[in-house]
Amino acid sequence: MKVDDDLWSAVGDPTRRRMLDLLLSEGGGTATSLSERLPVTRQAVAKHLVVLDRVGLVHATTVGREKQFRVDRAQLARAVAQLAEVGAAWDARLQRIKRIAETIQRGKDTKNETEKK
């Protein structure tokens, strides 16, 4: 799976992650309702929503004078799958580094034991 840099950039921001949490827990929301729950202005929330919408994490429908935003669960699942894949790749890399370090350490220990004799 190829990592979508735009998607990762969108979820990399803590305010946007909190917005996604709120939208998921409340089943949706507007820029106004989100700004009431976050320490940022409505205008800042609106800008964050544009970023989330651009990468497909949220979709808006017009309800009266405001847009109602909902999380696109399929796109969120894609982001989670990418995160899990990258996490697994890093775990494998770290295990290889650990094995190399252990091999080096065993070599040093063997050398020290030999020198003591």
C-alpha atoms as a PDB file:
ATOM      1  CA  MET A   1       0.000   0.000   0.000  1.00  0.00           C
ATOM      2  CA  LYS A   2       1.402   3.396  -0.991  1.00  0.00           C
ATOM      3  CA  VAL A   3       1.316   5.995   1.757  1.00  0.00           C
ATOM      4  CA  ASP A   4      -0.843   9.017   0.923  1.00  0.00           C
ATOM      5  CA  ASP A   5       1.237  11.987   2.108  1.00  0.00           C
ATOM      6  CA  ASP A   6      -1.697  14.430   1.896  1.00  0.00           C
ATOM      7  CA  LEU A   7      -3.836  12.137   4.035  1.00  0.00           C
ATOM      8  CA  TRP A   8      -1.042  11.746   6.589  1.00  0.00           C
ATOM      9  CA  SER A   9      -0.431  15.471   6.653  1.00  0.00           C
ATOM     10  CA  ALA A  10      -4.126  16.055   7.319  1.00  0.00           C
ATOM     11  CA  VAL A  11      -4.254  13.671  10.270  1.00  0.00           C
ATOM     12  CA  GLY A  12      -0.853  14.817  11.506  1.00  0.00           C
ATOM     13  CA  ASP A  13      -2.355  17.935  13.031  1.00  0.00           C
ATOM     14  CA  PRO A  14      -3.649  17.455  16.603  1.00  0.00           C
ATOM     15  CA  THR A  15      -6.553  19.873  16.125  1.00  0.00           C
ATOM     16  CA  ARG A  16      -7.758  17.978  13.068  1.00  0.00           C
ATOM     17  CA  ARG A  17      -7.465  14.661  14.937  1.00  0.00           C
ATOM     18  CA  ARG A  18      -9.553  16.108  17.763  1.00  0.00           C
ATOM     19  CA  MET A  19     -12.098  17.337  15.215  1.00  0.00           C
ATOM     20  CA  LEU A  20     -12.331  13.838  13.742  1.00  0.00           C
ATOM     21  CA  ASP A  21     -12.844  12.438  17.257  1.00  0.00           C
ATOM     22  CA  LEU A  22     -15.648  14.911  17.906  1.00  0.00           C
ATOM     23  CA  LEU A  23     -17.309  14.277  14.552  1.00  0.00           C
ATOM     24  CA  LEU A  24     -17.160  10.526  15.117  1.00  0.00           C
ATOM     25  CA  SER A  25     -18.462  10.670  18.673  1.00  0.00           C
ATOM     26  CA  GLU A  26     -21.249  13.114  17.848  1.00  0.00           C
ATOM     27  CA  GLY A  27     -22.182  11.687  14.452  1.00  0.00           C
ATOM     28  CA  GLY A  28     -21.268  14.923  12.694  1.00  0.00           C
ATOM     29  CA  GLY A  29     -21.117  18.632  13.306  1.00  0.00           C
ATOM     30  CA  THR A  30     -20.742  22.101  11.919  1.00  0.00           C
ATOM     31  CA  ALA A  31     -17.822  24.505  12.058  1.00  0.00           C
ATOM     32  CA  THR A  32     -19.734  26.409  14.730  1.00  0.00           C
ATOM     33  CA  SER A  33     -20.472  23.376  16.892  1.00  0.00           C
ATOM     34  CA  LEU A  34     -16.872  22.195  16.622  1.00  0.00           C
ATOM     35  CA  SER A  35     -15.453  25.620  17.473  1.00  0.00           C
ATOM     36  CA  GLU A  36     -17.519  25.594  20.679  1.00  0.00           C
ATOM     37  CA  ARG A  37     -15.673  22.420  21.765  1.00  0.00           C
ATOM     38  CA  LEU A  38     -12.170  23.386  20.620  1.00  0.00           C
ATOM     39  CA  PRO A  39      -9.736  26.112  21.698  1.00  0.00           C
ATOM     40  CA  VAL A  40      -9.692  27.644  18.206  1.00  0.00           C
ATOM     41  CA  THR A  41     -11.891  30.093  16.332  1.00  0.00           C
ATOM     42  CA  ARG A  42     -14.697  29.106  13.999  1.00  0.00           C
ATOM     43  CA  GLN A  43     -12.601  30.410  11.092  1.00  0.00           C
ATOM     44  CA  ALA A  44      -9.702  28.138  12.101  1.00  0.00           C
ATOM     45  CA  VAL A  45     -12.092  25.182  12.366  1.00  0.00           C
ATOM     46  CA  ALA A  46     -13.440  25.980   8.893  1.00  0.00           C
ATOM     47  CA  LYS A  47      -9.896  25.959   7.478  1.00  0.00           C
ATOM     48  CA  HIS A  48      -9.150  22.614   9.138  1.00  0.00           C
ATOM     49  CA  LEU A  49     -12.390  21.200   7.720  1.00  0.00           C
ATOM     50  CA  VAL A  50     -11.325  22.251   4.218  1.00  0.00           C
ATOM     51  CA  VAL A  51      -8.108  20.229   4.645  1.00  0.00           C
ATOM     52  CA  LEU A  52     -10.023  17.188   5.948  1.00  0.00           C
ATOM     53  CA  ASP A  53     -12.545  17.493   3.117  1.00  0.00           C
ATOM     54  CA  ARG A  54      -9.820  17.798   0.466  1.00  0.00           C
ATOM     55  CA  VAL A  55      -8.336  14.415   1.498  1.00  0.00           C
ATOM     56  CA  GLY A  56     -11.775  12.844   1.773  1.00  0.00           C
ATOM     57  CA  LEU A  57     -11.836  12.308   5.541  1.00  0.00           C
ATOM     58  CA  VAL A  58     -14.995  14.377   5.908  1.00  0.00           C
ATOM     59  CA  HIS A  59     -17.860  15.252   3.618  1.00  0.00           C
ATOM     60  CA  ALA A  60     -20.229  18.174   3.931  1.00  0.00           C
ATOM     61  CA  THR A  61     -23.911  18.527   3.263  1.00  0.00           C
ATOM     62  CA  THR A  62     -25.686  21.854   3.419  1.00  0.00           C
ATOM     63  CA  VAL A  63     -28.292  22.064   6.165  1.00  0.00           C
ATOM     64  CA  GLY A  64     -29.945  25.464   6.235  1.00  0.00           C
ATOM     65  CA  ARG A  65     -27.219  28.092   6.334  1.00  0.00           C
ATOM     66  CA  GLU A  66     -24.467  25.791   7.578  1.00  0.00           C
ATOM     67  CA  LYS A  67     -22.587  22.795   6.334  1.00  0.00           C
ATOM     68  CA  GLN A  68     -22.928  19.595   8.306  1.00  0.00           C
ATOM     69  CA  PHE A  69     -19.716  17.548   8.281  1.00  0.00           C
ATOM     70  CA  ARG A  70     -19.486  13.803   8.721  1.00  0.00           C
ATOM     71  CA  VAL A  71     -16.474  11.512   8.764  1.00  0.00           C
ATOM     72  CA  ASP A  72     -15.982   9.265   5.750  1.00  0.00           C
ATOM     73  CA  ARG A  73     -15.399   5.986   7.576  1.00  0.00           C
ATOM     74  CA  ALA A  74     -13.968   4.242   4.523  1.00  0.00           C
ATOM     75  CA  GLN A  75     -11.300   6.917   4.079  1.00  0.00           C
ATOM     76  CA  LEU A  76     -10.591   6.871   7.814  1.00  0.00           C
ATOM     77  CA  ALA A  77     -10.178   3.082   7.630  1.00  0.00           C
ATOM     78  CA  ARG A  78      -7.717   3.613   4.767  1.00  0.00           C
ATOM     79  CA  ALA A  79      -5.699   6.019   6.935  1.00  0.00           C
ATOM     80  CA  VAL A  80      -5.720   3.528   9.814  1.00  0.00           C
ATOM     81  CA  ALA A  81      -4.573   0.731   7.481  1.00  0.00           C
ATOM     82  CA  GLN A  82      -1.718   2.897   6.224  1.00  0.00           C
ATOM     83  CA  LEU A  83      -0.715   3.727   9.788  1.00  0.00           C
ATOM     84  CA  ALA A  84      -0.741   0.041  10.739  1.00  0.00           C
ATOM     85  CA  GLU A  85       1.348  -0.859   7.678  1.00  0.00           C
ATOM     86  CA  VAL A  86       3.928   1.833   8.390  1.00  0.00           C
ATOM     87  CA  GLY A  87       3.995   0.810  12.061  1.00  0.00           C
ATOM     88  CA  ALA A  88       4.648  -2.808  11.109  1.00  0.00           C
ATOM     89  CA  ALA A  89       7.422  -1.771   8.719  1.00  0.00           C
ATOM     90  CA  TRP A  90       9.087   0.302  11.450  1.00  0.00           C
ATOM     91  CA  ASP A  91       8.721  -2.537  13.944  1.00  0.00           C
ATOM     92  CA  ALA A  92      10.542  -4.823  11.493  1.00  0.00           C
ATOM     93  CA  ARG A  93      13.288  -2.236  10.957  1.00  0.00           C
ATOM     94  CA  LEU A  94      13.738  -1.757  14.696  1.00  0.00           C
ATOM     95  CA  GLN A  95      13.950  -5.521  15.224  1.00  0.00           C
ATOM     96  CA  ARG A  96      16.714  -5.712  12.581  1.00  0.00           C
ATOM     97  CA  ILE A  97      18.587  -2.866  14.297  1.00  0.00           C
ATOM     98  CA  LYS A  98      18.182  -4.612  17.652  1.00  0.00           C
ATOM     99  CA  ARG A  99      19.599  -7.875  16.251  1.00  0.00           C
ATOM    100  CA  ILE A 100      22.579  -6.020  14.757  1.00  0.00           C
ATOM    101  CA  ALA A 101      23.227  -4.226  18.056  1.00  0.00           C
ATOM    102  CA  GLU A 102      22.991  -7.507  19.976  1.00  0.00           C
ATOM    103  CA  THR A 103      25.425  -9.153  17.552  1.00  0.00           C
ATOM    104  CA  ILE A 104      27.875  -6.278  17.974  1.00  0.00           C
ATOM    105  CA  GLN A 105      27.503  -6.427  21.756  1.00  0.00           C
ATOM    106  CA  ARG A 106      28.099 -10.207  21.813  1.00  0.00           C
ATOM    107  CA  GLY A 107      31.256  -9.643  19.751  1.00  0.00           C
ATOM    108  CA  LYS A 108      32.480  -7.036  22.236  1.00  0.00           C
ATOM    109  CA  ASP A 109      31.651  -9.295  25.193  1.00  0.00           C
ATOM    110  CA  THR A 110      33.517 -12.202  23.588  1.00  0.00           C
ATOM    111  CA  LYS A 111      36.528  -9.959  22.896  1.00  0.00           C
ATOM    112  CA  ASN A 112      36.541  -8.683  26.495  1.00  0.00           C
ATOM    113  CA  GLU A 113      36.338 -12.237  27.864  1.00  0.00           C
ATOM    114  CA  THR A 114      39.210 -13.300  25.618  1.00  0.00           C
ATOM    115  CA  GLU A 115      41.343 -10.343  26.715  1.00  0.00           C
ATOM    116  CA  LYS A 116      40.740 -11.131  30.418  1.00  0.00           C
ATOM    117  CA  LYS A 117      42.178 -14.627  30.040  1.00  0.00           C
END
